[in-house]
Amino acid sequence: MRCEKCGTQNPPNFTFCICCNAKLELLDENTNGYLVCSECGGYYELQDGENPEDFTECECGGQLVFYWYKEEFME
C-alpha cells in the first residue's frame, strides 16, 4: 500500500508508513507478493504458504526480485 503523504510503498496490512509514520488507509488487499524476473520480465504471484526464498531463479535463468504489489513493477 502506497503512503499518500510520502509515496512510500508499504507491506500489506501495515497501519503506519515505514518511512514517515503517517497513518495508512487500509484497503482490502490480499497479496502474498510477486516475484519478477530481471531478465525476461515474467512474474509470479506467491500463493499462501510460499516464501520468496523458496525460489532461486526464473526458468530463463534470470534473477527473481520480490515486490509486494503488482503496481510496483508495472510502473
N, C-alpha and C. Protein backbone atom coordinates (compact mmCIF):
# COMPACT_ATOMS: atom_id res chain seq x y z
N MET A 1 0.84 -1.17 0.00
CA MET A 1 0.00 0.00 0.00
C MET A 1 0.88 1.24 0.00
N ARG A 2 0.59 2.17 -0.88
CA ARG A 2 1.40 3.37 -1.02
C ARG A 2 0.89 4.44 -0.05
N CYS A 3 1.84 5.08 0.65
CA CYS A 3 1.53 6.16 1.58
C CYS A 3 1.11 7.39 0.80
N GLU A 4 -0.03 7.97 1.17
CA GLU A 4 -0.50 9.17 0.48
C GLU A 4 0.35 10.39 0.82
N LYS A 5 1.01 10.37 1.97
CA LYS A 5 1.81 11.52 2.40
C LYS A 5 3.17 11.57 1.70
N CYS A 6 3.92 10.44 1.72
CA CYS A 6 5.28 10.47 1.18
C CYS A 6 5.48 9.60 -0.06
N GLY A 7 4.51 8.76 -0.39
CA GLY A 7 4.60 7.93 -1.59
C GLY A 7 5.33 6.61 -1.42
N THR A 8 5.77 6.29 -0.20
CA THR A 8 6.49 5.04 0.05
C THR A 8 5.55 3.85 -0.07
N GLN A 9 6.01 2.80 -0.72
CA GLN A 9 5.24 1.56 -0.82
C GLN A 9 5.47 0.76 0.47
N ASN A 10 4.40 0.40 1.15
CA ASN A 10 4.46 -0.32 2.41
C ASN A 10 3.92 -1.73 2.25
N PRO A 11 4.39 -2.66 3.09
CA PRO A 11 3.86 -4.03 3.04
C PRO A 11 2.37 -4.05 3.37
N PRO A 12 1.67 -5.10 2.95
CA PRO A 12 0.24 -5.20 3.22
C PRO A 12 -0.04 -5.22 4.72
N ASN A 13 -1.19 -4.70 5.09
CA ASN A 13 -1.71 -4.70 6.46
C ASN A 13 -0.91 -3.87 7.44
N PHE A 14 0.02 -3.04 6.98
CA PHE A 14 0.69 -2.10 7.88
C PHE A 14 -0.28 -0.95 8.15
N THR A 15 -0.31 -0.45 9.36
CA THR A 15 -1.21 0.64 9.69
C THR A 15 -0.51 2.00 9.65
N PHE A 16 0.83 1.99 9.73
CA PHE A 16 1.60 3.23 9.65
C PHE A 16 2.72 3.07 8.64
N CYS A 17 3.04 4.16 7.95
CA CYS A 17 4.08 4.15 6.92
C CYS A 17 5.45 3.86 7.54
N ILE A 18 6.22 3.01 6.87
CA ILE A 18 7.55 2.66 7.37
C ILE A 18 8.55 3.80 7.20
N CYS A 19 8.23 4.80 6.40
CA CYS A 19 9.14 5.91 6.16
C CYS A 19 8.78 7.14 7.00
N CYS A 20 7.53 7.59 6.90
CA CYS A 20 7.15 8.85 7.56
C CYS A 20 6.21 8.64 8.76
N ASN A 21 5.79 7.41 9.02
CA ASN A 21 4.94 7.06 10.15
C ASN A 21 3.51 7.62 10.05
N ALA A 22 3.10 8.04 8.85
CA ALA A 22 1.73 8.51 8.67
C ALA A 22 0.77 7.32 8.73
N LYS A 23 -0.45 7.56 9.21
CA LYS A 23 -1.46 6.51 9.27
C LYS A 23 -1.87 6.15 7.84
N LEU A 24 -1.95 4.85 7.56
CA LEU A 24 -2.31 4.37 6.23
C LEU A 24 -3.77 3.99 6.17
N GLU A 25 -4.39 4.26 5.04
CA GLU A 25 -5.76 3.82 4.78
C GLU A 25 -5.71 2.35 4.43
N LEU A 26 -6.29 1.51 5.26
CA LEU A 26 -6.24 0.07 4.99
C LEU A 26 -7.24 -0.28 3.91
N LEU A 27 -6.73 -0.90 2.87
CA LEU A 27 -7.57 -1.39 1.79
C LEU A 27 -7.70 -2.89 1.93
N ASP A 28 -8.70 -3.45 1.32
CA ASP A 28 -8.87 -4.90 1.39
C ASP A 28 -8.02 -5.55 0.31
N GLU A 29 -6.70 -5.48 0.49
CA GLU A 29 -5.77 -6.07 -0.47
C GLU A 29 -5.19 -7.32 0.15
N ASN A 30 -5.38 -8.41 -0.50
CA ASN A 30 -4.86 -9.68 -0.01
C ASN A 30 -3.79 -10.14 -0.98
N THR A 31 -2.53 -9.93 -0.63
CA THR A 31 -1.45 -10.33 -1.51
C THR A 31 -0.33 -10.97 -0.71
N ASN A 32 0.29 -11.95 -1.32
CA ASN A 32 1.47 -12.57 -0.73
C ASN A 32 2.73 -12.06 -1.40
N GLY A 33 2.55 -11.18 -2.38
CA GLY A 33 3.66 -10.60 -3.11
C GLY A 33 3.88 -11.26 -4.46
N TYR A 34 4.84 -10.72 -5.19
CA TYR A 34 5.14 -11.18 -6.54
C TYR A 34 6.64 -11.35 -6.71
N LEU A 35 7.03 -12.30 -7.52
CA LEU A 35 8.41 -12.46 -7.94
C LEU A 35 8.48 -12.08 -9.41
N VAL A 36 9.41 -11.18 -9.73
CA VAL A 36 9.55 -10.68 -11.10
C VAL A 36 10.95 -10.99 -11.60
N CYS A 37 11.04 -11.52 -12.81
CA CYS A 37 12.34 -11.86 -13.40
C CYS A 37 13.00 -10.60 -13.96
N SER A 38 14.27 -10.40 -13.59
CA SER A 38 15.02 -9.24 -14.06
C SER A 38 15.43 -9.37 -15.53
N GLU A 39 15.37 -10.59 -16.07
CA GLU A 39 15.76 -10.82 -17.46
C GLU A 39 14.58 -10.78 -18.42
N CYS A 40 13.61 -11.67 -18.20
CA CYS A 40 12.50 -11.80 -19.16
C CYS A 40 11.28 -10.96 -18.79
N GLY A 41 11.22 -10.45 -17.54
CA GLY A 41 10.09 -9.62 -17.12
C GLY A 41 8.87 -10.41 -16.69
N GLY A 42 8.96 -11.73 -16.73
CA GLY A 42 7.83 -12.55 -16.29
C GLY A 42 7.64 -12.42 -14.79
N TYR A 43 6.40 -12.66 -14.33
CA TYR A 43 6.17 -12.56 -12.89
C TYR A 43 5.29 -13.69 -12.40
N TYR A 44 5.37 -13.94 -11.11
CA TYR A 44 4.63 -15.00 -10.45
C TYR A 44 4.06 -14.47 -9.15
N GLU A 45 2.76 -14.65 -8.93
CA GLU A 45 2.14 -14.24 -7.68
C GLU A 45 2.30 -15.38 -6.66
N LEU A 46 2.93 -15.06 -5.54
CA LEU A 46 3.13 -16.06 -4.49
C LEU A 46 1.80 -16.50 -3.91
N GLN A 47 1.68 -17.77 -3.65
CA GLN A 47 0.47 -18.35 -3.08
C GLN A 47 0.64 -18.49 -1.56
N ASP A 48 -0.46 -18.74 -0.86
CA ASP A 48 -0.41 -18.93 0.59
C ASP A 48 0.61 -20.01 0.93
N GLY A 49 1.45 -19.73 1.91
CA GLY A 49 2.45 -20.69 2.35
C GLY A 49 3.76 -20.66 1.58
N GLU A 50 3.80 -19.94 0.44
CA GLU A 50 5.04 -19.83 -0.32
C GLU A 50 5.86 -18.65 0.18
N ASN A 51 7.17 -18.81 0.14
CA ASN A 51 8.10 -17.80 0.61
C ASN A 51 9.01 -17.41 -0.56
N PRO A 52 9.32 -16.12 -0.72
CA PRO A 52 10.19 -15.72 -1.83
C PRO A 52 11.52 -16.46 -1.85
N GLU A 53 12.04 -16.81 -0.67
CA GLU A 53 13.32 -17.52 -0.59
C GLU A 53 13.23 -18.95 -1.12
N ASP A 54 12.00 -19.46 -1.32
CA ASP A 54 11.83 -20.81 -1.85
C ASP A 54 12.17 -20.88 -3.35
N PHE A 55 12.29 -19.72 -3.99
CA PHE A 55 12.52 -19.65 -5.43
C PHE A 55 13.90 -19.04 -5.68
N THR A 56 14.73 -19.74 -6.42
CA THR A 56 16.10 -19.26 -6.62
C THR A 56 16.28 -18.47 -7.91
N GLU A 57 15.67 -18.91 -9.00
CA GLU A 57 15.79 -18.19 -10.26
C GLU A 57 14.63 -18.51 -11.17
N CYS A 58 14.45 -17.67 -12.18
CA CYS A 58 13.40 -17.86 -13.18
C CYS A 58 13.77 -19.03 -14.09
N GLU A 59 12.78 -19.56 -14.79
CA GLU A 59 13.02 -20.64 -15.75
C GLU A 59 14.02 -20.22 -16.82
N CYS A 60 14.08 -18.90 -17.12
CA CYS A 60 15.01 -18.41 -18.15
C CYS A 60 16.42 -18.25 -17.59
N GLY A 61 16.57 -18.39 -16.27
CA GLY A 61 17.89 -18.24 -15.65
C GLY A 61 18.09 -16.88 -15.00
N GLY A 62 17.13 -15.98 -15.18
CA GLY A 62 17.24 -14.63 -14.61
C GLY A 62 17.00 -14.60 -13.11
N GLN A 63 17.45 -13.52 -12.49
CA GLN A 63 17.28 -13.32 -11.06
C GLN A 63 15.86 -12.87 -10.76
N LEU A 64 15.27 -13.41 -9.68
CA LEU A 64 13.93 -13.03 -9.27
C LEU A 64 13.99 -11.93 -8.21
N VAL A 65 13.14 -10.92 -8.38
CA VAL A 65 13.08 -9.79 -7.45
C VAL A 65 11.68 -9.79 -6.83
N PHE A 66 11.61 -9.60 -5.50
CA PHE A 66 10.34 -9.62 -4.79
C PHE A 66 9.72 -8.23 -4.73
N TYR A 67 8.40 -8.17 -4.96
CA TYR A 67 7.60 -6.95 -4.82
C TYR A 67 6.32 -7.31 -4.07
N TRP A 68 5.85 -6.40 -3.21
CA TRP A 68 4.59 -6.64 -2.52
C TRP A 68 3.40 -6.46 -3.46
N TYR A 69 3.46 -5.46 -4.35
CA TYR A 69 2.31 -5.13 -5.19
C TYR A 69 2.68 -5.14 -6.66
N LYS A 70 1.72 -5.51 -7.49
CA LYS A 70 1.91 -5.56 -8.94
C LYS A 70 2.23 -4.16 -9.48
N GLU A 71 1.64 -3.14 -8.90
CA GLU A 71 1.85 -1.76 -9.36
C GLU A 71 3.31 -1.33 -9.24
N GLU A 72 4.06 -1.91 -8.30
CA GLU A 72 5.45 -1.53 -8.10
C GLU A 72 6.32 -1.87 -9.31
N PHE A 73 6.05 -3.00 -9.94
CA PHE A 73 6.90 -3.38 -11.08
C PHE A 73 6.24 -3.11 -12.42
N MET A 74 4.98 -2.73 -12.42
CA MET A 74 4.29 -2.41 -13.67
C MET A 74 4.48 -0.95 -14.07
N GLU A 75 4.92 -0.11 -13.11
CA GLU A 75 5.06 1.33 -13.38
C GLU A 75 6.20 1.63 -14.31
